[in-house]
Structure formats: C-alpha cells, structure tokens
Protein backbone atom coordinates (compact mmCIF):
# COMPACT_ATOMS: atom_id res chain seq x y z
CA UNK A 1 0.14 -0.20 0.09
CA UNK A 2 1.19 2.76 -0.64
CA UNK A 3 0.35 6.14 1.25
CA UNK A 4 0.99 9.94 -0.06
CA UNK A 5 2.11 12.46 2.44
CA UNK A 6 3.25 16.00 1.77
CA UNK A 7 5.36 15.97 4.33
CA UNK A 8 3.12 18.32 6.67
CA UNK A 9 0.16 17.10 8.73
CA UNK A 10 -0.30 13.20 8.16
CA UNK A 11 -3.97 14.10 7.96
CA UNK A 12 -6.54 16.74 6.28
CA UNK A 13 -9.30 16.03 9.20
CA UNK A 14 -7.13 16.52 12.60
CA UNK A 15 -8.58 20.64 12.93
CA UNK A 16 -11.68 20.42 12.01
CA UNK A 17 -11.87 17.05 14.83
CA UNK A 18 -11.04 19.22 17.21
CA UNK A 19 -13.38 22.26 16.73
CA UNK A 20 -15.85 19.48 16.05
CA UNK A 21 -14.93 17.95 19.53
CA UNK A 22 -14.33 21.53 21.79
CA UNK A 23 -17.61 22.57 20.07
CA UNK A 24 -19.78 19.60 21.46
CA UNK A 25 -17.44 20.71 24.53
CA UNK A 26 -15.62 16.74 24.92
CA UNK A 27 -12.35 15.94 25.95
CA UNK A 28 -10.19 13.65 24.36
CA UNK A 29 -11.04 10.53 26.29
CA UNK A 30 -15.23 11.58 25.81
CA UNK A 31 -15.04 11.39 22.47
CA UNK A 32 -12.60 7.88 22.60
CA UNK A 33 -15.25 6.78 24.47
CA UNK A 34 -17.87 7.97 22.04
CA UNK A 35 -15.79 5.90 19.49
CA UNK A 36 -15.49 2.71 21.30
CA UNK A 37 -19.35 2.59 22.90
CA UNK A 38 -20.04 2.52 19.31
CA UNK A 39 -17.87 -0.47 18.97
CA UNK A 40 -14.60 1.33 17.53
CA UNK A 41 -11.39 1.03 18.49
CA UNK A 42 -9.73 4.67 19.63
CA UNK A 43 -8.33 5.83 22.60
CA UNK A 44 -7.72 9.50 23.58
CA UNK A 45 -3.82 9.01 22.29
CA UNK A 46 -5.41 8.42 18.81
CA UNK A 47 -7.58 11.22 18.32
CA UNK A 48 -4.11 13.56 20.08
CA UNK A 49 -2.39 11.88 17.04
CA UNK A 50 -5.34 12.90 14.72
CA UNK A 51 -6.02 15.97 15.73
CA UNK A 52 -2.04 16.93 15.98
CA UNK A 53 -1.60 15.55 12.75
CA UNK A 54 0.78 12.57 13.49
CA UNK A 55 -0.94 9.55 12.47
CA UNK A 56 -2.85 9.20 9.08
CA UNK A 57 -6.45 8.50 9.21
CA UNK A 58 -8.03 5.43 7.09
CA UNK A 59 -11.22 5.55 5.51
CA UNK A 60 -13.30 3.35 7.74
CA UNK A 61 -11.32 6.07 10.81
CA UNK A 62 -13.42 8.74 9.01
CA UNK A 63 -16.44 6.77 8.94
CA UNK A 64 -16.54 6.52 12.51
CA UNK A 65 -15.43 9.90 13.17
CA UNK A 66 -18.54 11.35 11.25
CA UNK A 67 -21.39 9.11 12.52
CA UNK A 68 -20.21 9.69 16.03
CA UNK A 69 -19.62 13.41 15.54
CA UNK A 70 -23.39 12.92 13.09
CA UNK A 71 -21.49 15.14 10.41
CA UNK A 72 -21.16 14.41 7.05
CA UNK A 73 -17.32 13.09 5.46
CA UNK A 74 -17.55 16.33 3.40
CA UNK A 75 -17.54 18.28 6.75
CA UNK A 76 -14.39 16.27 8.16
CA UNK A 77 -12.60 16.89 4.80
CA UNK A 78 -13.55 20.65 4.51
CA UNK A 79 -15.02 20.23 1.17
CA UNK A 80 -17.86 22.44 -0.11
CA UNK A 81 -21.26 20.67 -0.01
CA UNK A 82 -23.23 20.12 -3.36
CA UNK A 83 -24.71 23.47 -4.50
CA UNK A 84 -22.04 25.73 -2.57
CA UNK A 85 -20.17 28.28 -4.96
CA UNK A 86 -16.08 27.05 -4.63
C-alpha cells in the first residue's frame, strides 16, 4: 500500500475534529469513549494524534468519526457542500 504524504500533517481532518469536539464540549477521552461505545477502537491518544496531524486516518476511521460526531464526510474533509460556490 502506498501512502501519499505531503511531509506536513499526516491528515487533513485533525483541526476539524478538534473544533467539532470542543464545540460539543468533549474531551479527547470522552470522544474516544463514544467511539468505543459505537464499536470502534480509539483511545484518547489516538484522538490526540489525529488532531495533531501525526497520525494517518484511514477511510473506516473517517466514517467512524463522522458517525459519532454526527457530521458528513465532507464536513470533516472541509469539502464544499453540493450547491456551494467554490
């Protein structure tokens, strides 16, 4: 498997995860606990590394984060919504 990396952050969703988590008044531990209750293997250290951009995020984790935070994939990726002008 080849992973493409710009040499900067290892993901582009870290800042959005942090913003959404803080917006909901959750700690990293609380978000990890919600993910675990939903059946996903996350720890508070995993959340920290995602937010700091030091960890790659595979598609199935993107799905889990979107599900638990109740947002779309596009919201996490920062993509313009359909119908929005770019």
